[in-house]
């Protein structure tokens, strides 16, 4: 079996992000195990409107996109404790849990 291409890896990341249901989040490491920065890079470069980028947060629950991301998550009912998503309630860490 040939190794995955860059396009395959990017498509897998976008597929995982699209699979996050409203009201839940995943971390960058969840959507790109072993390469969380790659997930951020892929999300920053996509122009696909059907990718709910706001549902991807840092490993500590903090937000990369600040107040705008928080408004979108709060509108979906994602719980916060201070400035961070309450990961114990909102995190989907199993990539197949959809």
Protein backbone atom coordinates (compact mmCIF):
# COMPACT_ATOMS: atom_id res chain seq x y z
CA UNK A 1 0.00 0.00 0.00
CA UNK A 2 1.50 3.38 -0.99
CA UNK A 3 2.01 6.05 1.68
CA UNK A 4 -0.72 8.69 1.93
CA UNK A 5 -0.21 11.82 -0.12
CA UNK A 6 -0.38 15.35 1.21
CA UNK A 7 -3.78 15.68 -0.45
CA UNK A 8 -5.00 12.50 1.30
CA UNK A 9 -3.87 13.82 4.69
CA UNK A 10 -5.53 17.21 4.11
CA UNK A 11 -8.75 15.53 3.01
CA UNK A 12 -8.73 13.35 6.14
CA UNK A 13 -8.32 16.40 8.38
CA UNK A 14 -11.18 18.23 6.67
CA UNK A 15 -13.36 15.11 6.86
CA UNK A 16 -12.72 14.84 10.61
CA UNK A 17 -13.58 18.52 11.14
CA UNK A 18 -16.78 18.22 9.09
CA UNK A 19 -17.78 15.26 11.27
CA UNK A 20 -17.79 17.31 14.50
CA UNK A 21 -21.46 17.83 15.37
CA UNK A 22 -22.80 21.16 16.67
CA UNK A 23 -22.24 21.58 20.40
CA UNK A 24 -18.97 19.63 20.42
CA UNK A 25 -15.31 20.32 19.77
CA UNK A 26 -12.13 18.45 18.99
CA UNK A 27 -8.58 19.58 19.51
CA UNK A 28 -6.09 20.17 16.72
CA UNK A 29 -4.33 16.99 17.86
CA UNK A 30 -7.60 15.05 17.67
CA UNK A 31 -8.12 15.91 14.01
CA UNK A 32 -4.45 15.48 13.11
CA UNK A 33 -2.88 12.99 15.54
CA UNK A 34 0.84 13.56 15.88
CA UNK A 35 0.75 16.76 13.84
CA UNK A 36 -1.63 19.31 15.39
CA UNK A 37 0.01 22.25 13.64
CA UNK A 38 -0.79 20.60 10.32
CA UNK A 39 -4.49 20.73 11.22
CA UNK A 40 -4.20 24.47 11.86
CA UNK A 41 -2.38 24.96 8.58
CA UNK A 42 -4.99 23.00 6.61
CA UNK A 43 -7.86 24.89 8.26
CA UNK A 44 -6.21 28.24 7.61
CA UNK A 45 -5.83 27.44 3.90
CA UNK A 46 -9.23 25.96 3.10
CA UNK A 47 -11.93 28.04 1.51
CA UNK A 48 -14.59 25.34 1.88
CA UNK A 49 -17.65 26.88 3.52
CA UNK A 50 -18.88 23.56 4.92
CA UNK A 51 -15.93 23.13 7.29
CA UNK A 52 -16.90 24.10 10.87
CA UNK A 53 -13.40 25.36 11.75
CA UNK A 54 -14.70 26.98 14.93
CA UNK A 55 -15.21 23.52 16.49
CA UNK A 56 -11.46 22.90 16.62
CA UNK A 57 -9.70 24.23 19.73
CA UNK A 58 -6.29 24.04 21.34
CA UNK A 59 -5.41 21.12 23.64
CA UNK A 60 -6.04 23.27 26.73
CA UNK A 61 -9.46 24.39 25.49
CA UNK A 62 -8.32 27.88 24.52
CA UNK A 63 -9.38 29.42 21.23
CA UNK A 64 -7.12 30.27 18.31
CA UNK A 65 -9.63 32.70 16.79
CA UNK A 66 -10.75 34.52 19.94
CA UNK A 67 -14.11 36.24 20.42
CA UNK A 68 -15.54 35.34 17.00
CA UNK A 69 -14.87 31.65 17.57
CA UNK A 70 -16.33 31.88 21.07
CA UNK A 71 -19.56 33.46 19.80
CA UNK A 72 -20.00 30.66 17.27
CA UNK A 73 -19.36 27.96 19.89
CA UNK A 74 -21.62 29.56 22.50
CA UNK A 75 -24.41 29.76 19.91
CA UNK A 76 -24.12 25.95 19.64
CA UNK A 77 -24.21 25.50 23.42
CA UNK A 78 -20.54 24.65 23.95
CA UNK A 79 -19.75 25.21 27.66
CA UNK A 80 -16.90 27.44 28.80
CA UNK A 81 -15.03 27.85 32.04
CA UNK A 82 -13.49 31.29 31.91
CA UNK A 83 -11.78 31.75 28.57
CA UNK A 84 -11.56 28.03 27.73
CA UNK A 85 -13.93 25.40 26.41
CA UNK A 86 -14.90 22.93 29.12
CA UNK A 87 -13.33 19.97 27.33
CA UNK A 88 -14.61 17.43 29.85
CA UNK A 89 -18.14 18.19 28.60
CA UNK A 90 -17.69 19.21 24.97
CA UNK A 91 -14.74 17.27 23.57
CA UNK A 92 -15.20 14.42 21.12
CA UNK A 93 -11.83 12.71 21.31
CA UNK A 94 -12.76 9.50 19.50
CA UNK A 95 -12.42 10.13 15.77
CA UNK A 96 -15.18 7.62 15.14
CA UNK A 97 -17.63 9.05 17.70
CA UNK A 98 -20.05 10.61 15.25
